[in-house]
Amino acid sequence: MSPNYSAMNIDEITTETFNSPSELNEFEEYLSLGQAIPTRWAFRGQSGEYGSLKPSFQRIFGQKHPRRTAEDIERDLIKTFREHYEKLNGRSFDMPDPNMIGTNFDLRCLSVMQHYGVPTRLLDWTSNYWTAVYFACASDPTKNAELWFYDREIFSEQLQSTELAPLLSYVYPGQIGLQEPKLLGSRTADMIIEFDPQLTPRMKNQFAHHTFCLDPFTDHAQLLFERSQNSTRFKEDNKHLLQRIVINAACKQRALDFLAKQRQVTAGTIFPDVEGLNKFLHWHLESLLTTMMD
């Protein structure tokens, strides 16, 4: 961790605990209307109180294996995914062309892998508050959930970086000529970037983007906290630009009902493909087993 920053205190950035859909609704109004300066928020819902932001790739490995081993396995997964994806007969017209995720597009390839169920070092975010609430509430019905959010302005200096120019927020699929910087395998410490390829129907439906750390075992929360502390808005307002709220377990089912009836956010709107439906049904089965067999 850089010596210029303090360690993140989870209690300090946890601002609320919500027990009802009405409280969630009021908070969404506050975020969208109650700010003197308009803010572009990024949200992430997690079904348990983890107190951290760890990608699925890290959760699989833990700290049992060296970083180099994880990177070797990651490279093999990327290579294998590309080989099979290129030969895939059932690829629909709105899925990216293999050239879009080929050599020189490792991060885009990881993005597509992530949204088709392959564990990666990427962390998913959404610009839609209710989509994040759905992910927080759609599984683990007996556990409190958490909703993380950060001000996307904290990545403003990324917009000025020549090295990261191809990865600016909204890297559109049509920009085939822009090669990605060689970030996988880099040993630069404490670096986190935001990128927004929007390559798959699921990403578009979920208003999704990613954060990416050079170290596959890094907790994204700490680096987001450090970046938020260094932002101009934090220095001016002394307000945390990375925050976390807790959603009470007892609120989860009512929140899902509210989302379906009042916000038209359901599994069908978030997962527009068969792979997504499969994931949702796994979550639904877990919920049914918990609520009907306990």
Protein backbone atom coordinates (compact mmCIF):
# COMPACT_ATOMS: atom_id res chain seq x y z
CA MET A 1 0.00 0.00 0.00
CA SER A 2 1.29 3.49 -0.81
CA PRO A 3 2.61 5.38 2.22
CA ASN A 4 0.57 8.49 1.33
CA TYR A 5 -2.73 6.79 2.06
CA SER A 6 -4.44 5.51 5.17
CA ALA A 7 -5.92 2.03 5.43
CA MET A 8 -9.64 1.73 4.69
CA ASN A 9 -11.86 1.52 7.78
CA ILE A 10 -14.96 -0.50 6.86
CA ASP A 11 -17.07 1.08 9.63
CA GLU A 12 -16.12 4.56 8.49
CA ILE A 13 -17.35 4.06 4.92
CA THR A 14 -20.47 2.06 5.91
CA THR A 15 -23.12 4.77 6.03
CA GLU A 16 -26.50 3.03 6.40
CA THR A 17 -28.35 -0.21 7.22
CA PHE A 18 -31.64 -0.62 5.37
CA ASN A 19 -34.53 -2.79 6.54
CA SER A 20 -37.22 -2.09 3.92
CA PRO A 21 -37.69 -1.37 0.21
CA SER A 22 -38.95 2.13 1.07
CA GLU A 23 -35.59 2.94 2.66
CA LEU A 24 -33.81 1.67 -0.45
CA ASN A 25 -36.13 3.80 -2.59
CA GLU A 26 -35.50 6.92 -0.52
CA PHE A 27 -31.75 6.39 -0.73
CA GLU A 28 -31.88 6.10 -4.51
CA GLU A 29 -33.73 9.44 -4.59
CA TYR A 30 -31.10 10.98 -2.35
CA LEU A 31 -28.26 9.76 -4.58
CA SER A 32 -29.89 11.01 -7.77
CA LEU A 33 -31.46 14.25 -6.54
CA GLY A 34 -29.92 15.14 -3.20
CA GLN A 35 -26.45 16.05 -4.42
CA ALA A 36 -25.32 19.63 -4.93
CA ILE A 37 -22.91 18.39 -7.61
CA PRO A 38 -24.19 15.67 -10.00
CA THR A 39 -22.35 12.40 -9.45
CA ARG A 40 -21.79 9.42 -11.72
CA TRP A 41 -22.12 6.52 -9.31
CA ALA A 42 -20.96 2.96 -9.91
CA PHE A 43 -22.72 0.28 -7.82
CA ARG A 44 -21.99 -3.30 -6.82
CA GLY A 45 -24.35 -5.56 -4.89
CA GLN A 46 -22.94 -8.51 -2.91
CA SER A 47 -25.17 -11.11 -1.28
CA GLY A 48 -23.22 -11.27 2.01
CA GLU A 49 -21.40 -8.90 4.35
CA TYR A 50 -17.91 -9.56 3.06
CA GLY A 51 -16.43 -6.17 3.89
CA SER A 52 -14.19 -6.45 0.82
CA LEU A 53 -14.31 -6.41 -2.98
CA LYS A 54 -12.62 -9.57 -4.19
CA PRO A 55 -13.08 -10.95 -7.73
CA SER A 56 -14.11 -14.56 -8.24
CA PHE A 57 -10.61 -15.46 -9.48
CA GLN A 58 -9.15 -14.41 -6.14
CA ARG A 59 -11.81 -16.22 -4.13
CA ILE A 60 -10.94 -19.48 -5.94
CA PHE A 61 -7.20 -19.17 -5.32
CA GLY A 62 -7.20 -17.44 -1.96
CA GLN A 63 -3.57 -16.93 -1.00
CA LYS A 64 -2.59 -20.59 -1.47
CA HIS A 65 -0.77 -20.14 -4.78
CA PRO A 66 1.92 -17.72 -5.97
CA ARG A 67 0.82 -14.80 -8.11
CA ARG A 68 2.82 -16.15 -11.06
CA THR A 69 0.89 -19.45 -10.93
CA ALA A 70 -2.41 -17.57 -11.02
CA GLU A 71 -1.21 -15.51 -14.00
CA ASP A 72 -0.10 -18.64 -15.87
CA ILE A 73 -3.51 -20.22 -15.32
CA GLU A 74 -5.20 -16.98 -16.40
CA ARG A 75 -3.23 -16.93 -19.67
CA ASP A 76 -4.18 -20.55 -20.34
CA LEU A 77 -7.87 -19.78 -19.68
CA ILE A 78 -7.75 -16.84 -22.10
CA LYS A 79 -6.08 -18.94 -24.80
CA THR A 80 -8.52 -21.83 -24.36
CA PHE A 81 -11.57 -19.54 -24.30
CA ARG A 82 -10.49 -17.87 -27.56
CA GLU A 83 -9.96 -21.20 -29.29
CA HIS A 84 -13.39 -22.53 -28.34
CA TYR A 85 -15.20 -19.22 -28.82
CA GLU A 86 -13.93 -18.90 -32.41
CA LYS A 87 -15.36 -22.33 -33.26
CA LEU A 88 -18.64 -21.79 -31.41
CA ASN A 89 -21.52 -22.59 -33.76
CA GLY A 90 -24.23 -21.07 -31.59
CA ARG A 91 -22.76 -17.58 -31.41
CA SER A 92 -25.56 -15.06 -31.97
CA PHE A 93 -25.26 -11.91 -34.08
CA ASP A 94 -25.05 -9.63 -31.02
CA MET A 95 -22.09 -11.49 -29.47
CA PRO A 96 -18.66 -10.00 -30.22
CA ASP A 97 -16.69 -11.16 -33.23
CA PRO A 98 -13.66 -13.30 -32.25
CA ASN A 99 -11.36 -10.56 -33.60
CA MET A 100 -12.65 -8.19 -30.93
CA ILE A 101 -11.28 -10.43 -28.16
CA GLY A 102 -8.24 -11.80 -29.99
CA THR A 103 -4.53 -11.12 -29.52
CA ASN A 104 -3.87 -7.62 -28.10
CA PHE A 105 -7.33 -7.58 -26.49
CA ASP A 106 -6.77 -9.58 -23.31
CA LEU A 107 -8.95 -7.38 -21.10
CA ARG A 108 -11.82 -7.47 -23.56
CA CYS A 109 -11.47 -11.24 -23.65
CA LEU A 110 -11.57 -11.38 -19.85
CA SER A 111 -14.69 -9.19 -19.95
CA VAL A 112 -16.52 -11.61 -22.25
CA MET A 113 -15.30 -14.59 -20.20
CA GLN A 114 -16.57 -12.93 -17.02
CA HIS A 115 -20.05 -12.45 -18.41
CA TYR A 116 -20.28 -16.03 -19.56
CA GLY A 117 -19.45 -17.46 -16.16
CA VAL A 118 -15.66 -17.89 -16.24
CA PRO A 119 -13.91 -16.69 -13.05
CA THR A 120 -11.57 -13.75 -13.77
CA ARG A 121 -9.70 -11.03 -11.90
CA LEU A 122 -12.26 -8.43 -13.08
CA LEU A 123 -14.85 -6.96 -10.74
CA ASP A 124 -18.30 -6.13 -12.13
CA TRP A 125 -20.04 -2.80 -11.48
CA THR A 126 -23.22 -1.20 -12.80
CA SER A 127 -24.32 2.38 -13.26
CA ASN A 128 -27.88 1.28 -12.38
CA TYR A 129 -28.68 1.37 -8.65
CA TRP A 130 -31.56 -1.12 -8.86
CA THR A 131 -29.53 -3.66 -10.82
CA ALA A 132 -27.00 -3.66 -7.98
CA VAL A 133 -29.79 -4.03 -5.40
CA TYR A 134 -31.03 -7.05 -7.36
CA PHE A 135 -27.62 -8.74 -7.21
CA ALA A 136 -27.40 -7.99 -3.49
CA CYS A 137 -30.78 -9.57 -2.77
CA ALA A 138 -31.13 -12.42 -5.29
CA SER A 139 -29.24 -15.06 -3.29
CA ASP A 140 -28.24 -16.07 0.25
CA PRO A 141 -31.66 -15.14 1.67
CA THR A 142 -30.61 -15.64 5.30
CA LYS A 143 -27.59 -13.32 5.10
CA ASN A 144 -27.35 -9.55 5.21
CA ALA A 145 -26.23 -8.08 1.88
CA GLU A 146 -24.03 -5.11 1.08
CA LEU A 147 -24.18 -2.45 -1.60
CA TRP A 148 -20.93 -0.71 -2.54
CA PHE A 149 -20.74 2.43 -4.65
CA TYR A 150 -18.09 4.89 -5.79
CA ASP A 151 -17.99 8.18 -7.66
CA ARG A 152 -16.62 7.42 -11.15
CA GLU A 153 -14.93 10.82 -11.09
CA ILE A 154 -12.13 9.20 -9.07
CA PHE A 155 -10.89 7.75 -12.36
CA SER A 156 -10.72 11.15 -14.07
CA GLU A 157 -6.92 11.12 -14.27
CA GLN A 158 -7.18 7.86 -16.22
CA LEU A 159 -8.78 9.94 -18.98
CA GLN A 160 -5.53 11.90 -19.29
CA SER A 161 -3.24 8.87 -19.44
CA THR A 162 -1.58 8.22 -22.80
CA GLU A 163 -0.75 4.65 -21.75
CA LEU A 164 -4.37 3.86 -20.85
CA ALA A 165 -6.04 5.78 -23.68
CA PRO A 166 -7.49 2.61 -25.30
CA LEU A 167 -9.15 1.73 -21.98
CA LEU A 168 -11.01 4.96 -21.35
CA SER A 169 -14.52 4.53 -20.02
CA TYR A 170 -16.71 3.49 -22.96
CA VAL A 171 -14.23 1.55 -25.08
CA TYR A 172 -16.66 0.75 -27.85
CA PRO A 173 -16.51 -2.59 -29.71
CA GLY A 174 -16.00 -0.87 -33.06
CA GLN A 175 -12.59 0.45 -32.07
CA ILE A 176 -10.72 -2.58 -33.36
CA GLY A 177 -7.59 -0.60 -34.21
CA LEU A 178 -6.84 0.41 -30.63
CA GLN A 179 -4.54 -2.13 -29.02
CA GLU A 180 -4.68 -2.53 -25.28
CA PRO A 181 -1.65 -1.70 -23.16
CA LYS A 182 0.18 -4.82 -21.96
CA LEU A 183 -1.14 -4.91 -18.40
CA LEU A 184 -1.42 -8.63 -17.67
CA GLY A 185 1.73 -9.78 -15.91
CA SER A 186 2.84 -6.23 -15.07
CA ARG A 187 4.59 -5.79 -11.74
CA THR A 188 3.51 -2.17 -11.19
CA ALA A 189 2.14 -2.02 -7.64
CA ASP A 190 -1.19 -0.65 -6.40
CA MET A 191 -2.79 0.11 -9.76
CA ILE A 192 -6.52 -0.08 -10.44
CA ILE A 193 -8.25 0.96 -13.66
CA GLU A 194 -11.84 1.21 -14.84
CA PHE A 195 -12.91 0.10 -18.30
CA ASP A 196 -16.23 -0.28 -20.03
CA PRO A 197 -16.16 -2.44 -23.17
CA GLN A 198 -19.93 -3.18 -23.38
CA LEU A 199 -19.26 -6.19 -25.60
CA THR A 200 -22.08 -8.56 -24.64
CA PRO A 201 -25.88 -8.24 -24.46
CA ARG A 202 -25.70 -9.02 -20.76
CA MET A 203 -23.30 -6.15 -20.07
CA LYS A 204 -25.57 -3.76 -21.94
CA ASN A 205 -28.68 -4.94 -20.07
CA GLN A 206 -26.87 -4.62 -16.75
CA PHE A 207 -25.31 -1.20 -17.55
CA ALA A 208 -22.08 -2.91 -16.55
CA HIS A 209 -18.41 -2.04 -16.49
CA HIS A 210 -15.34 -3.43 -14.70
CA THR A 211 -12.49 -2.54 -12.43
CA PHE A 212 -9.18 -4.30 -12.95
CA CYS A 213 -6.12 -4.59 -10.68
CA LEU A 214 -2.64 -5.50 -11.84
CA ASP A 215 -2.31 -7.89 -8.91
CA PRO A 216 -4.98 -10.63 -9.28
CA PHE A 217 -5.05 -11.07 -5.49
CA THR A 218 -5.76 -7.42 -4.63
CA ASP A 219 -8.86 -6.34 -2.72
CA HIS A 220 -10.33 -3.67 -5.01
CA ALA A 221 -11.89 -1.88 -2.03
CA GLN A 222 -8.57 -0.66 -0.65
CA LEU A 223 -7.34 0.71 -3.98
CA LEU A 224 -10.70 2.38 -4.69
CA PHE A 225 -10.53 3.93 -1.23
CA GLU A 226 -7.01 5.23 -1.87
CA ARG A 227 -8.02 6.63 -5.25
CA SER A 228 -11.09 8.32 -3.73
CA GLN A 229 -8.94 9.95 -1.04
CA ASN A 230 -6.71 11.42 -3.73
CA SER A 231 -9.59 12.90 -5.74
CA THR A 232 -10.20 16.62 -5.97
CA ARG A 233 -13.81 16.31 -4.83
CA PHE A 234 -12.80 14.46 -1.65
CA LYS A 235 -10.22 17.12 -0.84
CA GLU A 236 -12.79 19.87 -1.35
CA ASP A 237 -15.80 18.26 0.37
CA ASN A 238 -14.08 15.82 2.77
CA LYS A 239 -16.74 13.27 1.81
CA HIS A 240 -16.03 9.61 1.12
CA LEU A 241 -16.47 8.80 -2.56
CA LEU A 242 -16.40 5.06 -1.84
CA GLN A 243 -19.25 3.98 0.43
CA ARG A 244 -21.00 0.82 1.58
CA ILE A 245 -24.51 0.18 2.89
CA VAL A 246 -25.92 -2.97 4.47
CA ILE A 247 -29.26 -4.53 3.46
CA ASN A 248 -30.94 -6.57 6.17
CA ALA A 249 -31.57 -10.22 5.23
CA ALA A 250 -35.25 -9.84 6.17
CA CYS A 251 -35.57 -7.16 3.48
CA LYS A 252 -34.25 -9.24 0.58
CA GLN A 253 -37.44 -10.93 -0.63
CA ARG A 254 -39.50 -7.76 -0.23
CA ALA A 255 -36.85 -5.86 -2.17
CA LEU A 256 -37.04 -8.39 -5.03
CA ASP A 257 -40.85 -8.08 -5.10
CA PHE A 258 -40.53 -4.28 -5.17
CA LEU A 259 -37.99 -4.48 -8.00
CA ALA A 260 -40.26 -6.69 -10.09
CA LYS A 261 -43.46 -4.67 -9.56
CA GLN A 262 -42.18 -1.10 -9.31
CA ARG A 263 -38.88 -1.03 -11.19
CA GLN A 264 -39.34 -3.85 -13.75
CA VAL A 265 -36.01 -5.35 -12.70
CA THR A 266 -36.09 -9.16 -12.80
CA ALA A 267 -33.90 -12.05 -13.85
CA GLY A 268 -35.42 -11.76 -17.32
CA THR A 269 -34.34 -8.13 -17.74
CA ILE A 270 -30.87 -8.62 -16.28
CA PHE A 271 -30.02 -11.98 -17.90
CA PRO A 272 -31.13 -11.90 -21.58
CA ASP A 273 -29.50 -15.20 -22.53
CA VAL A 274 -29.61 -18.90 -21.70
CA GLU A 275 -26.34 -18.84 -19.74
CA GLY A 276 -27.72 -16.06 -17.58
CA LEU A 277 -30.96 -17.93 -17.02
CA ASN A 278 -28.95 -20.94 -15.88
CA LYS A 279 -27.12 -18.80 -13.32
CA PHE A 280 -30.38 -17.29 -12.08
CA LEU A 281 -31.97 -20.73 -11.65
CA HIS A 282 -29.03 -21.84 -9.51
CA TRP A 283 -29.63 -18.82 -7.29
CA HIS A 284 -33.37 -19.46 -7.26
CA LEU A 285 -32.86 -23.10 -6.25
CA GLU A 286 -30.62 -22.00 -3.39
CA SER A 287 -33.30 -19.59 -2.20
CA LEU A 288 -36.03 -22.22 -2.39
CA LEU A 289 -33.97 -24.76 -0.47
CA THR A 290 -33.24 -22.22 2.22
CA THR A 291 -36.77 -20.92 2.66
CA MET A 292 -38.71 -24.18 2.25
CA MET A 293 -36.52 -26.79 3.91
CA ASP A 294 -35.15 -25.03 7.00
